[in-house]
Amino acid sequence: MGEWAIAVHGGEEAVCIAHTPVANAVAAESGIWTREDFRGRGPAPAVVAAWAAREGRRKDVLFYRTSAGNRASRAVARTLGLTPLGWIWTVGAR
């Protein structure tokens, strides 16, 4: 696995974690988790930025993926000034 960045509260409680769930030789994707009572309070953009600073030393391309319906995650991307690349379309059986 790749790099991790963690925000803690009170010196010991993890409240936000960014990690590398998917990577190859040149690129990595950020995964992010924020404890529910800390959402909207600012740790996610800071933790993703810290993850990117660390992972960017090892990889040429970094991705932050979110779904159209995940408003909180999209707000993190906007706060960081990330450029949208497109949408993933899926076809499923009915």
N, C-alpha and C. Protein backbone atom coordinates (compact mmCIF):
# COMPACT_ATOMS: atom_id res chain seq x y z
N MET A 1 0.84 -1.18 0.00
CA MET A 1 0.00 0.00 0.00
C MET A 1 0.89 1.24 0.00
N GLY A 2 0.23 2.36 -0.23
CA GLY A 2 0.97 3.61 -0.32
C GLY A 2 0.96 4.39 0.99
N GLU A 3 1.01 5.68 0.84
CA GLU A 3 1.10 6.58 1.98
C GLU A 3 -0.24 6.72 2.72
N TRP A 4 -0.15 7.18 3.95
CA TRP A 4 -1.30 7.47 4.80
C TRP A 4 -1.10 8.85 5.42
N ALA A 5 -2.22 9.52 5.73
CA ALA A 5 -2.20 10.74 6.52
C ALA A 5 -3.40 10.67 7.46
N ILE A 6 -3.22 11.06 8.69
CA ILE A 6 -4.27 10.91 9.70
C ILE A 6 -4.36 12.18 10.53
N ALA A 7 -5.61 12.66 10.75
CA ALA A 7 -5.86 13.75 11.69
C ALA A 7 -6.36 13.12 12.98
N VAL A 8 -5.80 13.58 14.09
CA VAL A 8 -6.22 13.06 15.38
C VAL A 8 -6.81 14.18 16.22
N HIS A 9 -7.67 13.82 17.15
CA HIS A 9 -8.28 14.76 18.08
C HIS A 9 -7.91 14.33 19.49
N GLY A 10 -7.48 15.28 20.29
CA GLY A 10 -7.11 14.93 21.66
C GLY A 10 -5.84 14.11 21.76
N GLY A 11 -5.07 14.09 20.69
CA GLY A 11 -3.80 13.38 20.71
C GLY A 11 -3.87 11.88 20.48
N GLU A 12 -5.09 11.31 20.43
CA GLU A 12 -5.14 9.85 20.25
C GLU A 12 -6.31 9.33 19.44
N GLU A 13 -7.34 10.11 19.19
CA GLU A 13 -8.50 9.63 18.45
C GLU A 13 -8.40 10.01 16.98
N ALA A 14 -8.36 9.03 16.08
CA ALA A 14 -8.35 9.31 14.65
C ALA A 14 -9.71 9.86 14.25
N VAL A 15 -9.72 11.02 13.56
CA VAL A 15 -10.98 11.60 13.12
C VAL A 15 -11.07 11.69 11.60
N CYS A 16 -9.93 11.53 10.93
CA CYS A 16 -9.92 11.58 9.46
C CYS A 16 -8.68 10.86 8.96
N ILE A 17 -8.87 10.01 7.95
CA ILE A 17 -7.77 9.23 7.40
C ILE A 17 -7.81 9.31 5.88
N ALA A 18 -6.67 9.59 5.26
CA ALA A 18 -6.51 9.48 3.80
C ALA A 18 -5.47 8.39 3.57
N HIS A 19 -5.71 7.57 2.57
CA HIS A 19 -4.80 6.45 2.30
C HIS A 19 -4.79 6.17 0.80
N THR A 20 -4.03 5.18 0.41
CA THR A 20 -3.88 4.80 -1.00
C THR A 20 -4.49 3.42 -1.21
N PRO A 21 -5.77 3.35 -1.60
CA PRO A 21 -6.37 2.03 -1.82
C PRO A 21 -5.98 1.41 -3.16
N VAL A 22 -5.62 2.25 -4.14
CA VAL A 22 -5.29 1.76 -5.48
C VAL A 22 -4.07 2.53 -5.99
N ALA A 23 -3.10 1.80 -6.53
CA ALA A 23 -1.91 2.44 -7.08
C ALA A 23 -1.25 1.52 -8.09
N ASN A 24 -0.46 2.12 -8.96
CA ASN A 24 0.41 1.36 -9.84
C ASN A 24 1.77 2.06 -9.85
N ALA A 25 2.59 1.80 -10.82
CA ALA A 25 3.95 2.36 -10.81
C ALA A 25 3.99 3.88 -10.94
N VAL A 26 2.98 4.48 -11.56
CA VAL A 26 3.02 5.93 -11.79
C VAL A 26 1.88 6.72 -11.15
N ALA A 27 0.80 6.06 -10.74
CA ALA A 27 -0.37 6.77 -10.24
C ALA A 27 -0.89 6.18 -8.95
N ALA A 28 -1.61 7.02 -8.18
CA ALA A 28 -2.23 6.57 -6.93
C ALA A 28 -3.56 7.31 -6.76
N GLU A 29 -4.47 6.63 -6.08
CA GLU A 29 -5.78 7.21 -5.79
C GLU A 29 -5.92 7.39 -4.29
N SER A 30 -6.55 8.49 -3.89
CA SER A 30 -6.79 8.74 -2.47
C SER A 30 -8.11 8.15 -2.03
N GLY A 31 -8.09 7.48 -0.91
CA GLY A 31 -9.30 7.08 -0.22
C GLY A 31 -9.40 7.94 1.03
N ILE A 32 -10.60 8.32 1.42
CA ILE A 32 -10.74 9.21 2.57
C ILE A 32 -11.89 8.73 3.46
N TRP A 33 -11.68 8.83 4.76
CA TRP A 33 -12.72 8.54 5.74
C TRP A 33 -12.66 9.64 6.78
N THR A 34 -13.82 10.16 7.15
CA THR A 34 -13.92 11.16 8.22
C THR A 34 -14.98 10.71 9.21
N ARG A 35 -14.64 10.76 10.48
CA ARG A 35 -15.61 10.41 11.51
C ARG A 35 -16.81 11.35 11.40
N GLU A 36 -18.00 10.81 11.53
CA GLU A 36 -19.23 11.55 11.26
C GLU A 36 -19.31 12.88 12.01
N ASP A 37 -18.93 12.92 13.26
CA ASP A 37 -19.04 14.16 14.04
C ASP A 37 -17.97 15.18 13.68
N PHE A 38 -17.04 14.85 12.78
CA PHE A 38 -16.03 15.80 12.33
C PHE A 38 -16.25 16.22 10.87
N ARG A 39 -17.24 15.68 10.21
CA ARG A 39 -17.52 16.05 8.82
C ARG A 39 -17.95 17.51 8.74
N GLY A 40 -17.43 18.20 7.75
CA GLY A 40 -17.75 19.62 7.57
C GLY A 40 -16.96 20.55 8.47
N ARG A 41 -16.05 20.00 9.23
CA ARG A 41 -15.26 20.81 10.17
C ARG A 41 -13.83 21.05 9.69
N GLY A 42 -13.50 20.59 8.48
CA GLY A 42 -12.22 20.92 7.89
C GLY A 42 -11.10 19.91 7.87
N PRO A 43 -11.21 18.77 8.55
CA PRO A 43 -10.03 17.91 8.52
C PRO A 43 -9.80 17.21 7.18
N ALA A 44 -10.84 16.90 6.44
CA ALA A 44 -10.66 16.11 5.21
C ALA A 44 -9.77 16.80 4.17
N PRO A 45 -10.02 18.08 3.81
CA PRO A 45 -9.11 18.69 2.84
C PRO A 45 -7.66 18.72 3.32
N ALA A 46 -7.46 18.99 4.60
CA ALA A 46 -6.10 19.03 5.14
C ALA A 46 -5.43 17.66 5.08
N VAL A 47 -6.19 16.63 5.39
CA VAL A 47 -5.62 15.28 5.40
C VAL A 47 -5.33 14.81 3.97
N VAL A 48 -6.24 15.09 3.03
CA VAL A 48 -6.00 14.72 1.63
C VAL A 48 -4.78 15.48 1.11
N ALA A 49 -4.64 16.76 1.45
CA ALA A 49 -3.47 17.53 1.02
C ALA A 49 -2.18 16.94 1.59
N ALA A 50 -2.22 16.51 2.85
CA ALA A 50 -1.03 15.88 3.45
C ALA A 50 -0.71 14.57 2.76
N TRP A 51 -1.77 13.78 2.46
CA TRP A 51 -1.57 12.52 1.72
C TRP A 51 -0.92 12.81 0.37
N ALA A 52 -1.44 13.82 -0.34
CA ALA A 52 -0.92 14.15 -1.68
C ALA A 52 0.54 14.59 -1.61
N ALA A 53 0.90 15.35 -0.59
CA ALA A 53 2.29 15.79 -0.46
C ALA A 53 3.22 14.59 -0.27
N ARG A 54 2.79 13.62 0.50
CA ARG A 54 3.62 12.43 0.73
C ARG A 54 3.62 11.50 -0.49
N GLU A 55 2.42 11.19 -1.02
CA GLU A 55 2.33 10.25 -2.14
C GLU A 55 2.90 10.86 -3.41
N GLY A 56 2.82 12.18 -3.54
CA GLY A 56 3.37 12.86 -4.72
C GLY A 56 4.87 12.75 -4.87
N ARG A 57 5.55 12.39 -3.80
CA ARG A 57 7.01 12.15 -3.89
C ARG A 57 7.31 10.84 -4.59
N ARG A 58 6.31 9.93 -4.61
CA ARG A 58 6.51 8.59 -5.17
C ARG A 58 5.80 8.38 -6.50
N LYS A 59 4.75 9.14 -6.76
CA LYS A 59 3.90 8.94 -7.94
C LYS A 59 3.82 10.21 -8.77
N ASP A 60 3.67 10.05 -10.08
CA ASP A 60 3.55 11.19 -10.99
C ASP A 60 2.12 11.71 -11.09
N VAL A 61 1.13 10.84 -10.90
CA VAL A 61 -0.27 11.21 -11.08
C VAL A 61 -1.05 10.80 -9.84
N LEU A 62 -1.83 11.74 -9.30
CA LEU A 62 -2.66 11.46 -8.14
C LEU A 62 -4.13 11.70 -8.48
N PHE A 63 -5.00 10.84 -7.98
CA PHE A 63 -6.43 10.94 -8.23
C PHE A 63 -7.19 11.04 -6.92
N TYR A 64 -8.29 11.79 -6.97
CA TYR A 64 -9.25 11.84 -5.87
C TYR A 64 -10.59 11.50 -6.49
N ARG A 65 -11.17 10.37 -6.12
CA ARG A 65 -12.40 9.91 -6.75
C ARG A 65 -13.56 10.07 -5.78
N THR A 66 -14.70 10.51 -6.32
CA THR A 66 -15.92 10.61 -5.54
C THR A 66 -17.11 10.36 -6.44
N SER A 67 -18.25 10.16 -5.85
CA SER A 67 -19.47 9.96 -6.64
C SER A 67 -20.24 11.27 -6.75
N ALA A 68 -21.09 11.36 -7.74
CA ALA A 68 -21.87 12.58 -7.96
C ALA A 68 -22.76 12.89 -6.76
N GLY A 69 -23.23 11.88 -6.07
CA GLY A 69 -24.13 12.09 -4.95
C GLY A 69 -23.45 12.35 -3.62
N ASN A 70 -22.14 12.27 -3.57
CA ASN A 70 -21.42 12.47 -2.31
C ASN A 70 -21.03 13.94 -2.18
N ARG A 71 -21.95 14.73 -1.67
CA ARG A 71 -21.73 16.18 -1.57
C ARG A 71 -20.53 16.54 -0.70
N ALA A 72 -20.36 15.84 0.40
CA ALA A 72 -19.25 16.15 1.30
C ALA A 72 -17.91 15.91 0.61
N SER A 73 -17.80 14.80 -0.09
CA SER A 73 -16.56 14.48 -0.79
C SER A 73 -16.32 15.45 -1.95
N ARG A 74 -17.38 15.82 -2.63
CA ARG A 74 -17.23 16.82 -3.71
C ARG A 74 -16.79 18.17 -3.15
N ALA A 75 -17.25 18.51 -1.95
CA ALA A 75 -16.82 19.75 -1.30
C ALA A 75 -15.33 19.71 -0.98
N VAL A 76 -14.83 18.54 -0.59
CA VAL A 76 -13.39 18.39 -0.34
C VAL A 76 -12.63 18.68 -1.64
N ALA A 77 -13.07 18.09 -2.75
CA ALA A 77 -12.41 18.30 -4.04
C ALA A 77 -12.44 19.78 -4.43
N ARG A 78 -13.59 20.45 -4.22
CA ARG A 78 -13.68 21.89 -4.54
C ARG A 78 -12.73 22.70 -3.66
N THR A 79 -12.70 22.40 -2.36
CA THR A 79 -11.82 23.11 -1.44
C THR A 79 -10.36 23.00 -1.87
N LEU A 80 -9.99 21.83 -2.36
CA LEU A 80 -8.61 21.60 -2.81
C LEU A 80 -8.34 22.14 -4.21
N GLY A 81 -9.38 22.62 -4.91
CA GLY A 81 -9.20 23.15 -6.26
C GLY A 81 -8.91 22.08 -7.29
N LEU A 82 -9.41 20.86 -7.06
CA LEU A 82 -9.15 19.77 -7.99
C LEU A 82 -9.96 19.92 -9.27
N THR A 83 -9.41 19.44 -10.36
CA THR A 83 -10.06 19.52 -11.66
C THR A 83 -10.82 18.23 -11.95
N PRO A 84 -12.14 18.31 -12.19
CA PRO A 84 -12.89 17.09 -12.53
C PRO A 84 -12.43 16.52 -13.87
N LEU A 85 -12.31 15.21 -13.93
CA LEU A 85 -11.88 14.54 -15.16
C LEU A 85 -13.04 13.96 -15.94
N GLY A 86 -14.12 13.60 -15.28
CA GLY A 86 -15.25 12.99 -15.97
C GLY A 86 -16.05 12.11 -15.05
N TRP A 87 -16.93 11.35 -15.63
CA TRP A 87 -17.82 10.47 -14.89
C TRP A 87 -17.61 9.04 -15.30
N ILE A 88 -17.81 8.13 -14.39
CA ILE A 88 -17.77 6.70 -14.71
C ILE A 88 -19.21 6.24 -14.90
N TRP A 89 -19.48 5.66 -16.02
CA TRP A 89 -20.82 5.16 -16.33
C TRP A 89 -20.83 3.65 -16.21
N THR A 90 -21.87 3.10 -15.63
CA THR A 90 -21.98 1.66 -15.53
C THR A 90 -23.32 1.21 -16.11
N VAL A 91 -23.33 0.00 -16.62
CA VAL A 91 -24.54 -0.60 -17.13
C VAL A 91 -24.82 -1.84 -16.31
N GLY A 92 -26.01 -1.91 -15.78
CA GLY A 92 -26.34 -3.05 -14.94
C GLY A 92 -27.61 -3.75 -15.44
N ALA A 93 -27.77 -4.98 -15.02
CA ALA A 93 -28.97 -5.73 -15.39
C ALA A 93 -30.16 -5.24 -14.58
N ARG A 94 -31.31 -5.30 -15.15
CA ARG A 94 -32.53 -4.89 -14.44
C ARG A 94 -33.17 -6.05 -13.78
